[in-house]
Amino acid sequence: MIQFFSMHHWLRVLSGSRRAVAYSLCLGLLWLPMATVLANTVDETSRQTKDSKTAEAAEDRLDTSDRLLGDMGGFRTWLYQYGITLDIQSEDEIWGNYRGGTRRTTSYNGVGTVEIGADLSKLFDLEGGLFKLSWLNIRGRSPTADRLADYNPVSGHEAYTSNRLFELWYQQSFLNGALDIKLGQQDLDNEFLISDYASLFLNANFGWPVAPSANLYSGGPSWPLASLGIRFRYRSSERMTLMFAAANDNPTGHGFYNEHDPSNQSVHPHGSNFNLNTGALLISELQYTTDWKPAWAGMESASNGLPGILRVGGMYDTATFYDQRYDKAGRSLAAPDSSENPRQHQGNWIFYGIADQMLWQAAPGSPCSIGMFGRVTSNRSDRNVVDFAIDTGLTLNAPFAGRNDDVFGIGWGMAHTSNQARKADRDMRRYSDGHYPVRGNEYRVEITYKAQITHSLDLQLDWQHIENPGGGVLNNETGRRMRDESLFGLHSTLTF
């Protein structure tokens, strides 16, 4: 009791946003001792089935057929018997913009990922315990940062050149797997605000979308920046899942504006900052799986329909955000007598909805199928540069006979520059001697084809067109709007 009181007393002295994260982390720490007890409390039925478990363990073999290095001379199998897995992957890209941007050129970027996972039921006989450690080797140059002006990068694999720690967390499951809790440094865009079908596309907007990327500090806890936090996931039924996470909102701890590096990824390039000195990001999501049986496909009486999943959620950041138009005295930031110190707003929220649905399948169990996705995000205008965005697209799996692992996709998206930011542009035009564009909507189209070359190598050919980059942002070199951009890309994924 004395120990708990001292912890509570310590938490009381923390300021608001730090208190929210600290409470969440301490809640996780209080769960961990319980995890050991609960995870080792096995019912009598499971104790009476040791022979069947032994048989299952004998069939538990590590499949390394999709790895270039295979079993690494038996090393992976030796690790696996203790519940440890080693995954190594290299993703490399070449991008060339033949239209638009500040200049036309070709660039290379790539990322290597080393991931170590541990199933603690094998390692320490701790049922339901999982551990993960991952590290990134980021190389090359970012085509968007170098010569484009988009709200979000043309590739979700663009980042500041560095060798950095990525994720470091422990997860424990309870209630026969219905509930699991993850504690540590984690990447929220692995589980929240994502679309399964959209993951095919390379443009970053189809991953962690533009709303958090453009409006939150450092883009929030998303690749390649992870932050300390705790995540709860509860599967209330076969169809419904509830998730909640509380994490630090600013992985780097840097201010919102950084002229030298807007992404803030260069501030702490090794990923070992473990910041808890800024705001808290609270995010919740409800997931519901569907089993669609369309009458036009003659599936009314089918035992299994076409799978889909609906997601609705929201996030709230407790930090302070800057007004897009006014200074602290209520004058326009563009006015000659402005203090240039923006008005501050407490907190920021984003609401979203996502739908993934298979529309057609050649036959039950066939890899040949068509899927569709849609995602909408909405947030306030006064403190955000983007206040509404939408993404949608179609994917075709196994488009050709004998090419079961190939995927073709076409995606479209739009980001709306907030009304407050547009008014700020009009102010700049009024006070400026020259031409100053008023930003509008940014549109993007992506057409892509991913082909499996070998079991360990995939190649993906990609074409993108961005209309009104950054909503029509000013090109400082010409004094005019940035021209529309078109570019080709080639992406490779090699699994070692």
Foldseek 3Di string as FASTA:
>chain_A
DVVVVVVVVVLVVDDDQLSVFVVQQVVVVVVVVVLQVQQPPDDPVVVVCVVVVVVVVVVDFDFQQLAPCGCVVVPQVVQVQLQKHKWKKKKKKKKFWPDFWQDTDIWIKIKIKIKMKGQCCRNPVRHQKIWMWMKMQIDIAQPCVPTNFFLFGQFPRHDDGFIATAWTWMKGAGPVRQKMKIWGWDACQVPPPADPVLVVHGGCCNGLHSQQQQFFALSFRHPRFTEGKMKMWGNPDPFKIKIKMKTAGHRLPDDCDDPVDNNCCVSDVHRPPNDSPFGMKIKIKMKGKDFDQDVVVVRPPPPTHWIKMKMWMKMKIQGKFFFLFAACVGDGCLDPPGPVHGHIDGMWMKIKIKMKTWDDDPDVPALWTKIKMKMKMAIDQGRGQWGIKMKIWMKTAPPDPPQRHKMKMKMKMKTFGGPRNLVSQVSNCVNDPADTDRFGMKMKMKTKMWGDPGSFKIKMKMKMKIQCRVRQHADVVVRGTTHIIIMIMMMMMGID
